[in-house]
Protein backbone atom coordinates (compact mmCIF):
# COMPACT_ATOMS: atom_id res chain seq x y z
CA MET A 1 27.55 4.16 -10.79
CA SER A 2 31.30 3.63 -10.89
CA PHE A 3 34.15 4.33 -13.26
CA ARG A 4 36.69 1.79 -14.39
CA LYS A 5 40.25 2.47 -13.32
CA VAL A 6 42.84 1.97 -16.07
CA ASN A 7 46.47 2.87 -16.69
CA TYR A 8 47.78 5.01 -19.52
CA ASN A 9 48.42 1.96 -21.73
CA GLU A 10 44.89 0.60 -21.25
CA ALA A 11 43.05 3.88 -21.86
CA ASP A 12 41.65 4.23 -25.37
CA PHE A 13 41.84 7.94 -26.04
CA ASP A 14 40.07 7.40 -29.39
CA SER A 15 36.87 5.93 -27.93
CA GLN A 16 36.70 6.62 -24.17
CA ILE A 17 36.25 9.75 -22.08
CA VAL A 18 39.40 9.72 -19.96
CA ILE A 19 39.84 11.45 -16.60
CA ALA A 20 43.46 11.53 -15.42
CA VAL A 21 44.20 12.45 -11.80
CA LEU A 22 47.59 13.89 -10.90
CA ILE A 23 49.44 16.21 -8.56
CA ASN A 24 50.38 19.60 -9.97
CA ASP A 25 52.26 22.05 -7.73
CA GLY A 26 51.20 20.07 -4.66
CA LYS A 27 47.50 20.16 -5.57
CA ILE A 28 45.36 17.25 -6.79
CA GLU A 29 44.04 18.08 -10.26
CA ALA A 30 42.29 16.28 -13.07
CA SER A 31 42.44 16.47 -16.82
CA LEU A 32 39.64 15.33 -19.08
CA HIS A 33 40.04 14.00 -22.62
CA HIS A 34 37.03 13.69 -24.92
CA PRO A 35 37.70 11.37 -27.87
CA PHE A 36 35.41 12.90 -30.47
CA GLU A 37 36.38 16.49 -29.80
CA SER A 38 40.08 15.52 -29.71
CA ALA A 39 40.33 17.93 -26.81
CA THR A 40 41.86 17.78 -23.36
CA ARG A 41 40.95 20.10 -20.50
CA ALA A 42 43.54 20.38 -17.74
CA GLY A 43 43.65 21.95 -14.29
CA LEU A 44 40.18 20.84 -13.24
CA GLU A 45 39.08 19.85 -9.77
CA VAL A 46 38.24 16.14 -9.73
CA SER A 47 34.54 16.86 -9.10
CA GLN A 48 34.48 19.26 -12.08
CA ALA A 49 36.03 16.59 -14.29
CA ILE A 50 33.37 14.08 -13.20
CA ASP A 51 30.51 16.51 -13.88
CA LEU A 52 31.91 17.43 -17.28
CA ALA A 53 32.57 13.79 -18.21
CA LEU A 54 29.01 12.77 -17.31
CA HIS A 55 27.62 15.69 -19.32
CA GLN A 56 29.81 14.84 -22.32
CA GLN A 57 28.80 11.19 -22.09
CA ALA A 58 25.11 12.10 -22.04
CA ILE A 59 25.28 14.31 -25.13
CA THR A 60 27.63 12.13 -27.19
CA THR A 61 26.28 9.50 -29.55
CA ASP A 62 27.03 5.97 -28.31
CA ASN A 63 27.61 7.26 -24.75
CA PRO A 64 31.36 6.53 -24.56
CA GLU A 65 32.68 4.82 -21.45
CA ILE A 66 34.27 7.03 -18.79
CA VAL A 67 37.56 5.65 -17.45
CA VAL A 68 39.97 7.02 -14.85
CA ILE A 69 43.75 7.02 -14.82
CA ASP A 70 44.88 7.28 -11.21
CA GLU A 71 48.31 5.70 -11.00
CA GLU A 72 49.21 7.47 -7.74
CA GLY A 73 46.02 6.59 -5.81
CA LEU A 74 44.81 10.19 -5.56
CA TRP A 75 41.12 9.62 -6.34
CA PRO A 76 39.08 10.94 -3.38
CA SER A 77 37.23 8.05 -1.73
CA PHE A 78 34.05 10.08 -1.23
CA LEU A 79 33.51 10.44 -5.01
CA VAL A 80 32.21 7.95 -7.55
CA PRO A 81 33.89 4.59 -6.79
CA LEU A 82 36.50 3.12 -9.10
CA THR A 83 36.30 -0.52 -10.16
């Protein structure tokens, strides 16, 4: 399993589950956007965002694609690979 890496312009917030990785106060954090709930959760650990995204994908009709925005190269290499 891998997630596709996209930039903010490529991400489709209306149809994809989007994990964005960023630095906040010197700490790597993730936010998760779910298209059908029109909701974003911020301040997550990257592993929490992955678990939540996979759960949301499994329970959502049509199993939306999970994509990752990681413009600063912060994605931990030991996690699910990015393609």
